[in-house]
Amino acid sequence: METQVRPSSPIAPPTRRGLSRGEAAAYIGVSPSTFDKMVQAGEMPAPKRVYARTIWDVRALDLAFDALPGDDSAPETNDWD
C-alpha cells in the first residue's frame, strides 16, 4: 500500500516574488494590521514601489522572518493539548 503525504500547511508558497500587503501578512502568518505594526517597528521590511503598486519582496520577508526572536529548537506547543 502506498502512503500519501499530506502537506503540513494549507498555505501554498507564493508563486511570484512580489506580494501585496495582505499576501505578505498571510505569508508570515499574521493579520494585515499586525504586519503593518511589524513594518513600522522595523521587524519586517519596507515595501518596494513599482509604479503605482506597493509590493513586498518574498526574499526580504524570509530574511526578516528568520531574524525574528524565537526558540527554534523548542518543541512546538499547542494550547489545545
PDB file of N, CA and C in Angstrom:
ATOM      1  N   MET A   1       0.835  -1.173   0.000  1.00  0.00           N
ATOM      2  CA  MET A   1       0.000   0.000   0.000  1.00  0.00           C
ATOM      3  C   MET A   1       0.885   1.243   0.000  1.00  0.00           C
ATOM      4  N   GLU A   2       0.538   2.204  -0.838  1.00  0.00           N
ATOM      5  CA  GLU A   2       1.324   3.432  -0.944  1.00  0.00           C
ATOM      6  C   GLU A   2       0.827   4.449   0.076  1.00  0.00           C
ATOM      7  N   THR A   3       1.761   5.074   0.791  1.00  0.00           N
ATOM      8  CA  THR A   3       1.420   6.079   1.778  1.00  0.00           C
ATOM      9  C   THR A   3       1.399   7.443   1.116  1.00  0.00           C
ATOM     10  N   GLN A   4       0.317   8.176   1.317  1.00  0.00           N
ATOM     11  CA  GLN A   4       0.226   9.519   0.777  1.00  0.00           C
ATOM     12  C   GLN A   4       0.691  10.510   1.834  1.00  0.00           C
ATOM     13  N   VAL A   5       1.457  11.476   1.403  1.00  0.00           N
ATOM     14  CA  VAL A   5       1.961  12.504   2.304  1.00  0.00           C
ATOM     15  C   VAL A   5       1.125  13.754   2.103  1.00  0.00           C
ATOM     16  N   ARG A   6       0.563  14.244   3.195  1.00  0.00           N
ATOM     17  CA  ARG A   6      -0.225  15.463   3.120  1.00  0.00           C
ATOM     18  C   ARG A   6       0.660  16.654   3.444  1.00  0.00           C
ATOM     19  N   PRO A   7       0.421  17.784   2.799  1.00  0.00           N
ATOM     20  CA  PRO A   7       1.208  18.978   3.129  1.00  0.00           C
ATOM     21  C   PRO A   7       0.992  19.368   4.585  1.00  0.00           C
ATOM     22  N   SER A   8       2.038  19.893   5.209  1.00  0.00           N
ATOM     23  CA  SER A   8       1.951  20.256   6.625  1.00  0.00           C
ATOM     24  C   SER A   8       1.218  21.572   6.836  1.00  0.00           C
ATOM     25  N   SER A   9       1.012  22.342   5.788  1.00  0.00           N
ATOM     26  CA  SER A   9       0.364  23.633   5.911  1.00  0.00           C
ATOM     27  C   SER A   9      -0.620  23.820   4.769  1.00  0.00           C
ATOM     28  N   PRO A  10      -1.793  24.384   5.064  1.00  0.00           N
ATOM     29  CA  PRO A  10      -2.748  24.625   3.992  1.00  0.00           C
ATOM     30  C   PRO A  10      -2.385  25.836   3.136  1.00  0.00           C
ATOM     31  N   ILE A  11      -1.366  26.577   3.529  1.00  0.00           N
ATOM     32  CA  ILE A  11      -0.955  27.769   2.790  1.00  0.00           C
ATOM     33  C   ILE A  11       0.108  27.373   1.778  1.00  0.00           C
ATOM     34  N   ALA A  12      -0.191  27.590   0.530  1.00  0.00           N
ATOM     35  CA  ALA A  12       0.760  27.272  -0.532  1.00  0.00           C
ATOM     36  C   ALA A  12       1.833  28.353  -0.601  1.00  0.00           C
ATOM     37  N   PRO A  13       3.055  27.996  -0.949  1.00  0.00           N
ATOM     38  CA  PRO A  13       4.092  29.014  -1.089  1.00  0.00           C
ATOM     39  C   PRO A  13       3.744  29.959  -2.235  1.00  0.00           C
ATOM     40  N   PRO A  14       4.226  31.184  -2.168  1.00  0.00           N
ATOM     41  CA  PRO A  14       3.903  32.134  -3.228  1.00  0.00           C
ATOM     42  C   PRO A  14       4.469  31.676  -4.571  1.00  0.00           C
ATOM     43  N   THR A  15       3.768  32.047  -5.624  1.00  0.00           N
ATOM     44  CA  THR A  15       4.212  31.684  -6.965  1.00  0.00           C
ATOM     45  C   THR A  15       4.915  32.832  -7.659  1.00  0.00           C
ATOM     46  N   ARG A  16       5.018  33.952  -6.978  1.00  0.00           N
ATOM     47  CA  ARG A  16       5.740  35.100  -7.527  1.00  0.00           C
ATOM     48  C   ARG A  16       6.539  35.757  -6.406  1.00  0.00           C
ATOM     49  N   ARG A  17       7.451  36.592  -6.776  1.00  0.00           N
ATOM     50  CA  ARG A  17       8.352  37.189  -5.789  1.00  0.00           C
ATOM     51  C   ARG A  17       7.753  38.396  -5.075  1.00  0.00           C
ATOM     52  N   GLY A  18       6.937  39.181  -5.732  1.00  0.00           N
ATOM     53  CA  GLY A  18       6.349  40.374  -5.125  1.00  0.00           C
ATOM     54  C   GLY A  18       4.950  40.095  -4.603  1.00  0.00           C
ATOM     55  N   LEU A  19       4.705  40.460  -3.333  1.00  0.00           N
ATOM     56  CA  LEU A  19       3.416  40.211  -2.709  1.00  0.00           C
ATOM     57  C   LEU A  19       2.757  41.512  -2.276  1.00  0.00           C
ATOM     58  N   SER A  20       1.424  41.539  -2.335  1.00  0.00           N
ATOM     59  CA  SER A  20       0.676  42.676  -1.813  1.00  0.00           C
ATOM     60  C   SER A  20       0.753  42.660  -0.281  1.00  0.00           C
ATOM     61  N   ARG A  21       0.254  43.706   0.344  1.00  0.00           N
ATOM     62  CA  ARG A  21       0.266  43.800   1.802  1.00  0.00           C
ATOM     63  C   ARG A  21      -0.449  42.602   2.432  1.00  0.00           C
ATOM     64  N   GLY A  22      -1.650  42.302   1.979  1.00  0.00           N
ATOM     65  CA  GLY A  22      -2.409  41.183   2.534  1.00  0.00           C
ATOM     66  C   GLY A  22      -1.720  39.852   2.307  1.00  0.00           C
ATOM     67  N   GLU A  23      -1.148  39.672   1.130  1.00  0.00           N
ATOM     68  CA  GLU A  23      -0.430  38.434   0.832  1.00  0.00           C
ATOM     69  C   GLU A  23       0.825  38.304   1.688  1.00  0.00           C
ATOM     70  N   ALA A  24       1.536  39.417   1.872  1.00  0.00           N
ATOM     71  CA  ALA A  24       2.753  39.390   2.699  1.00  0.00           C
ATOM     72  C   ALA A  24       2.413  39.054   4.146  1.00  0.00           C
ATOM     73  N   ALA A  25       1.332  39.642   4.651  1.00  0.00           N
ATOM     74  CA  ALA A  25       0.909  39.347   6.019  1.00  0.00           C
ATOM     75  C   ALA A  25       0.554  37.869   6.161  1.00  0.00           C
ATOM     76  N   ALA A  26      -0.223  37.351   5.217  1.00  0.00           N
ATOM     77  CA  ALA A  26      -0.605  35.938   5.259  1.00  0.00           C
ATOM     78  C   ALA A  26       0.616  35.038   5.122  1.00  0.00           C
ATOM     79  N   TYR A  27       1.578  35.453   4.313  1.00  0.00           N
ATOM     80  CA  TYR A  27       2.789  34.659   4.095  1.00  0.00           C
ATOM     81  C   TYR A  27       3.545  34.424   5.390  1.00  0.00           C
ATOM     82  N   ILE A  28       3.614  35.467   6.247  1.00  0.00           N
ATOM     83  CA  ILE A  28       4.336  35.275   7.507  1.00  0.00           C
ATOM     84  C   ILE A  28       3.410  34.841   8.647  1.00  0.00           C
ATOM     85  N   GLY A  29       2.101  34.780   8.382  1.00  0.00           N
ATOM     86  CA  GLY A  29       1.173  34.226   9.353  1.00  0.00           C
ATOM     87  C   GLY A  29       0.560  35.197  10.335  1.00  0.00           C
ATOM     88  N   VAL A  30       0.437  36.465   9.944  1.00  0.00           N
ATOM     89  CA  VAL A  30      -0.169  37.456  10.829  1.00  0.00           C
ATOM     90  C   VAL A  30      -1.245  38.223  10.073  1.00  0.00           C
ATOM     91  N   SER A  31      -2.035  39.004  10.798  1.00  0.00           N
ATOM     92  CA  SER A  31      -3.055  39.835  10.173  1.00  0.00           C
ATOM     93  C   SER A  31      -2.394  41.028   9.487  1.00  0.00           C
ATOM     94  N   PRO A  32      -3.077  41.651   8.536  1.00  0.00           N
ATOM     95  CA  PRO A  32      -2.521  42.843   7.896  1.00  0.00           C
ATOM     96  C   PRO A  32      -2.197  43.969   8.885  1.00  0.00           C
ATOM     97  N   SER A  33      -3.039  44.150   9.914  1.00  0.00           N
ATOM     98  CA  SER A  33      -2.752  45.223  10.879  1.00  0.00           C
ATOM     99  C   SER A  33      -1.510  44.900  11.715  1.00  0.00           C
ATOM    100  N   THR A  34      -1.329  43.640  12.083  1.00  0.00           N
ATOM    101  CA  THR A  34      -0.112  43.248  12.800  1.00  0.00           C
ATOM    102  C   THR A  34       1.098  43.400  11.893  1.00  0.00           C
ATOM    103  N   PHE A  35       0.943  43.034  10.634  1.00  0.00           N
ATOM    104  CA  PHE A  35       2.035  43.186   9.672  1.00  0.00           C
ATOM    105  C   PHE A  35       2.445  44.653   9.560  1.00  0.00           C
ATOM    106  N   ASP A  36       1.461  45.557   9.497  1.00  0.00           N
ATOM    107  CA  ASP A  36       1.761  46.996   9.441  1.00  0.00           C
ATOM    108  C   ASP A  36       2.583  47.434  10.652  1.00  0.00           C
ATOM    109  N   LYS A  37       2.214  46.939  11.832  1.00  0.00           N
ATOM    110  CA  LYS A  37       2.956  47.281  13.056  1.00  0.00           C
ATOM    111  C   LYS A  37       4.385  46.748  12.987  1.00  0.00           C
ATOM    112  N   MET A  38       4.543  45.556  12.436  1.00  0.00           N
ATOM    113  CA  MET A  38       5.874  44.963  12.321  1.00  0.00           C
ATOM    114  C   MET A  38       6.741  45.735  11.333  1.00  0.00           C
ATOM    115  N   VAL A  39       6.142  46.213  10.240  1.00  0.00           N
ATOM    116  CA  VAL A  39       6.880  47.045   9.278  1.00  0.00           C
ATOM    117  C   VAL A  39       7.287  48.353   9.950  1.00  0.00           C
ATOM    118  N   GLN A  40       6.345  48.977  10.667  1.00  0.00           N
ATOM    119  CA  GLN A  40       6.619  50.238  11.360  1.00  0.00           C
ATOM    120  C   GLN A  40       7.734  50.076  12.400  1.00  0.00           C
ATOM    121  N   ALA A  41       7.779  48.917  13.065  1.00  0.00           N
ATOM    122  CA  ALA A  41       8.788  48.653  14.097  1.00  0.00           C
ATOM    123  C   ALA A  41      10.125  48.203  13.505  1.00  0.00           C
ATOM    124  N   GLY A  42      10.164  47.992  12.195  1.00  0.00           N
ATOM    125  CA  GLY A  42      11.403  47.548  11.561  1.00  0.00           C
ATOM    126  C   GLY A  42      11.612  46.050  11.636  1.00  0.00           C
ATOM    127  N   GLU A  43      10.605  45.304  12.084  1.00  0.00           N
ATOM    128  CA  GLU A  43      10.717  43.848  12.178  1.00  0.00           C
ATOM    129  C   GLU A  43      10.487  43.175  10.823  1.00  0.00           C
ATOM    130  N   MET A  44       9.768  43.840   9.961  1.00  0.00           N
ATOM    131  CA  MET A  44       9.542  43.385   8.590  1.00  0.00           C
ATOM    132  C   MET A  44      10.036  44.486   7.653  1.00  0.00           C
ATOM    133  N   PRO A  45      10.431  44.120   6.443  1.00  0.00           N
ATOM    134  CA  PRO A  45      10.995  45.117   5.525  1.00  0.00           C
ATOM    135  C   PRO A  45       9.942  46.098   5.015  1.00  0.00           C
ATOM    136  N   ALA A  46      10.420  47.245   4.610  1.00  0.00           N
ATOM    137  CA  ALA A  46       9.556  48.222   3.950  1.00  0.00           C
ATOM    138  C   ALA A  46       9.225  47.704   2.554  1.00  0.00           C
ATOM    139  N   PRO A  47       8.108  48.141   2.002  1.00  0.00           N
ATOM    140  CA  PRO A  47       7.746  47.678   0.663  1.00  0.00           C
ATOM    141  C   PRO A  47       8.568  48.375  -0.412  1.00  0.00           C
ATOM    142  N   LYS A  48       8.514  47.808  -1.584  1.00  0.00           N
ATOM    143  CA  LYS A  48       9.089  48.428  -2.773  1.00  0.00           C
ATOM    144  C   LYS A  48       7.946  49.063  -3.546  1.00  0.00           C
ATOM    145  N   ARG A  49       8.240  50.130  -4.237  1.00  0.00           N
ATOM    146  CA  ARG A  49       7.240  50.780  -5.087  1.00  0.00           C
ATOM    147  C   ARG A  49       7.565  50.436  -6.527  1.00  0.00           C
ATOM    148  N   VAL A  50       6.622  49.852  -7.212  1.00  0.00           N
ATOM    149  CA  VAL A  50       6.762  49.537  -8.627  1.00  0.00           C
ATOM    150  C   VAL A  50       5.605  50.232  -9.323  1.00  0.00           C
ATOM    151  N   TYR A  51       5.928  51.355  -9.931  1.00  0.00           N
ATOM    152  CA  TYR A  51       4.909  52.239 -10.490  1.00  0.00           C
ATOM    153  C   TYR A  51       3.923  52.589  -9.381  1.00  0.00           C
ATOM    154  N   ALA A  52       2.662  52.293  -9.528  1.00  0.00           N
ATOM    155  CA  ALA A  52       1.682  52.650  -8.500  1.00  0.00           C
ATOM    156  C   ALA A  52       1.481  51.541  -7.473  1.00  0.00           C
ATOM    157  N   ARG A  53       2.164  50.420  -7.639  1.00  0.00           N
ATOM    158  CA  ARG A  53       1.989  49.270  -6.742  1.00  0.00           C
ATOM    159  C   ARG A  53       2.954  49.325  -5.564  1.00  0.00           C
ATOM    160  N   THR A  54       2.484  48.875  -4.434  1.00  0.00           N
ATOM    161  CA  THR A  54       3.306  48.694  -3.243  1.00  0.00           C
ATOM    162  C   THR A  54       3.419  47.199  -3.038  1.00  0.00           C
ATOM    163  N   ILE A  55       4.656  46.674  -3.101  1.00  0.00           N
ATOM    164  CA  ILE A  55       4.839  45.228  -3.006  1.00  0.00           C
ATOM    165  C   ILE A  55       5.983  44.883  -2.058  1.00  0.00           C
ATOM    166  N   TRP A  56       5.883  43.700  -1.474  1.00  0.00           N
ATOM    167  CA  TRP A  56       6.925  43.188  -0.585  1.00  0.00           C
ATOM    168  C   TRP A  56       7.654  42.047  -1.274  1.00  0.00           C
ATOM    169  N   ASP A  57       8.950  42.056  -1.140  1.00  0.00           N
ATOM    170  CA  ASP A  57       9.816  41.039  -1.731  1.00  0.00           C
ATOM    171  C   ASP A  57       9.819  39.798  -0.836  1.00  0.00           C
ATOM    172  N   VAL A  58       9.449  38.656  -1.395  1.00  0.00           N
ATOM    173  CA  VAL A  58       9.405  37.411  -0.635  1.00  0.00           C
ATOM    174  C   VAL A  58      10.755  37.110   0.005  1.00  0.00           C
ATOM    175  N   ARG A  59      11.833  37.351  -0.709  1.00  0.00           N
ATOM    176  CA  ARG A  59      13.164  37.056  -0.153  1.00  0.00           C
ATOM    177  C   ARG A  59      13.463  37.932   1.062  1.00  0.00           C
ATOM    178  N   ALA A  60      13.064  39.207   0.993  1.00  0.00           N
ATOM    179  CA  ALA A  60      13.271  40.103   2.136  1.00  0.00           C
ATOM    180  C   ALA A  60      12.394  39.674   3.307  1.00  0.00           C
ATOM    181  N   LEU A  61      11.175  39.223   3.019  1.00  0.00           N
ATOM    182  CA  LEU A  61      10.299  38.722   4.083  1.00  0.00           C
ATOM    183  C   LEU A  61      10.905  37.499   4.758  1.00  0.00           C
ATOM    184  N   ASP A  62      11.469  36.595   3.954  1.00  0.00           N
ATOM    185  CA  ASP A  62      12.104  35.402   4.519  1.00  0.00           C
ATOM    186  C   ASP A  62      13.249  35.774   5.458  1.00  0.00           C
ATOM    187  N   LEU A  63      14.090  36.695   5.034  1.00  0.00           N
ATOM    188  CA  LEU A  63      15.222  37.113   5.867  1.00  0.00           C
ATOM    189  C   LEU A  63      14.747  37.762   7.161  1.00  0.00           C
ATOM    190  N   ALA A  64      13.742  38.630   7.056  1.00  0.00           N
ATOM    191  CA  ALA A  64      13.220  39.304   8.245  1.00  0.00           C
ATOM    192  C   ALA A  64      12.566  38.299   9.184  1.00  0.00           C
ATOM    193  N   PHE A  65      11.831  37.346   8.630  1.00  0.00           N
ATOM    194  CA  PHE A  65      11.184  36.331   9.461  1.00  0.00           C
ATOM    195  C   PHE A  65      12.216  35.477  10.180  1.00  0.00           C
ATOM    196  N   ASP A  66      13.278  35.111   9.468  1.00  0.00           N
ATOM    197  CA  ASP A  66      14.356  34.330  10.084  1.00  0.00           C
ATOM    198  C   ASP A  66      15.011  35.083  11.234  1.00  0.00           C
ATOM    199  N   ALA A  67      15.043  36.415  11.162  1.00  0.00           N
ATOM    200  CA  ALA A  67      15.695  37.228  12.189  1.00  0.00           C
ATOM    201  C   ALA A  67      14.804  37.480  13.405  1.00  0.00           C
ATOM    202  N   LEU A  68      13.524  37.139  13.324  1.00  0.00           N
ATOM    203  CA  LEU A  68      12.643  37.359  14.469  1.00  0.00           C
ATOM    204  C   LEU A  68      13.101  36.501  15.648  1.00  0.00           C
ATOM    205  N   PRO A  69      12.935  37.020  16.869  1.00  0.00           N
ATOM    206  CA  PRO A  69      13.322  36.234  18.036  1.00  0.00           C
ATOM    207  C   PRO A  69      12.411  35.023  18.192  1.00  0.00           C
ATOM    208  N   GLY A  70      12.954  33.999  18.752  1.00  0.00           N
ATOM    209  CA  GLY A  70      12.174  32.787  18.989  1.00  0.00           C
ATOM    210  C   GLY A  70      13.115  31.629  19.196  1.00  0.00           C
ATOM    211  N   ASP A  71      12.628  30.647  19.888  1.00  0.00           N
ATOM    212  CA  ASP A  71      13.431  29.468  20.168  1.00  0.00           C
ATOM    213  C   ASP A  71      13.055  28.391  19.164  1.00  0.00           C
ATOM    214  N   ASP A  72      13.792  28.328  18.065  1.00  0.00           N
ATOM    215  CA  ASP A  72      13.504  27.362  17.012  1.00  0.00           C
ATOM    216  C   ASP A  72      13.791  25.926  17.441  1.00  0.00           C
ATOM    217  N   SER A  73      14.522  25.759  18.538  1.00  0.00           N
ATOM    218  CA  SER A  73      14.862  24.397  18.958  1.00  0.00           C
ATOM    219  C   SER A  73      13.831  23.826  19.926  1.00  0.00           C
ATOM    220  N   ALA A  74      12.960  24.693  20.480  1.00  0.00           N
ATOM    221  CA  ALA A  74      11.938  24.216  21.439  1.00  0.00           C
ATOM    222  C   ALA A  74      10.834  23.502  20.688  1.00  0.00           C
ATOM    223  N   PRO A  75      10.292  22.450  21.295  1.00  0.00           N
ATOM    224  CA  PRO A  75       9.164  21.774  20.649  1.00  0.00           C
ATOM    225  C   PRO A  75       7.966  22.696  20.581  1.00  0.00           C
ATOM    226  N   GLU A  76       7.215  22.584  19.507  1.00  0.00           N
ATOM    227  CA  GLU A  76       6.041  23.423  19.326  1.00  0.00           C
ATOM    228  C   GLU A  76       4.985  23.040  20.359  1.00  0.00           C
ATOM    229  N   THR A  77       4.401  24.045  21.002  1.00  0.00           N
ATOM    230  CA  THR A  77       3.340  23.774  21.971  1.00  0.00           C
ATOM    231  C   THR A  77       2.006  24.089  21.322  1.00  0.00           C
ATOM    232  N   ASN A  78       0.992  23.436  21.819  1.00  0.00           N
ATOM    233  CA  ASN A  78      -0.342  23.600  21.285  1.00  0.00           C
ATOM    234  C   ASN A  78      -1.270  23.840  22.476  1.00  0.00           C
ATOM    235  N   ASP A  79      -1.918  24.992  22.509  1.00  0.00           N
ATOM    236  CA  ASP A  79      -2.802  25.330  23.625  1.00  0.00           C
ATOM    237  C   ASP A  79      -3.996  24.392  23.736  1.00  0.00           C
ATOM    238  N   TRP A  80      -4.288  23.661  22.665  1.00  0.00           N
ATOM    239  CA  TRP A  80      -5.431  22.759  22.667  1.00  0.00           C
ATOM    240  C   TRP A  80      -5.075  21.396  23.269  1.00  0.00           C
ATOM    241  N   ASP A  81      -3.812  21.106  23.430  1.00  0.00           N
ATOM    242  CA  ASP A  81      -3.421  19.811  24.004  1.00  0.00           C
ATOM    243  C   ASP A  81      -3.546  19.805  25.501  1.00  0.00           C
TER     244      ASP A  81
END
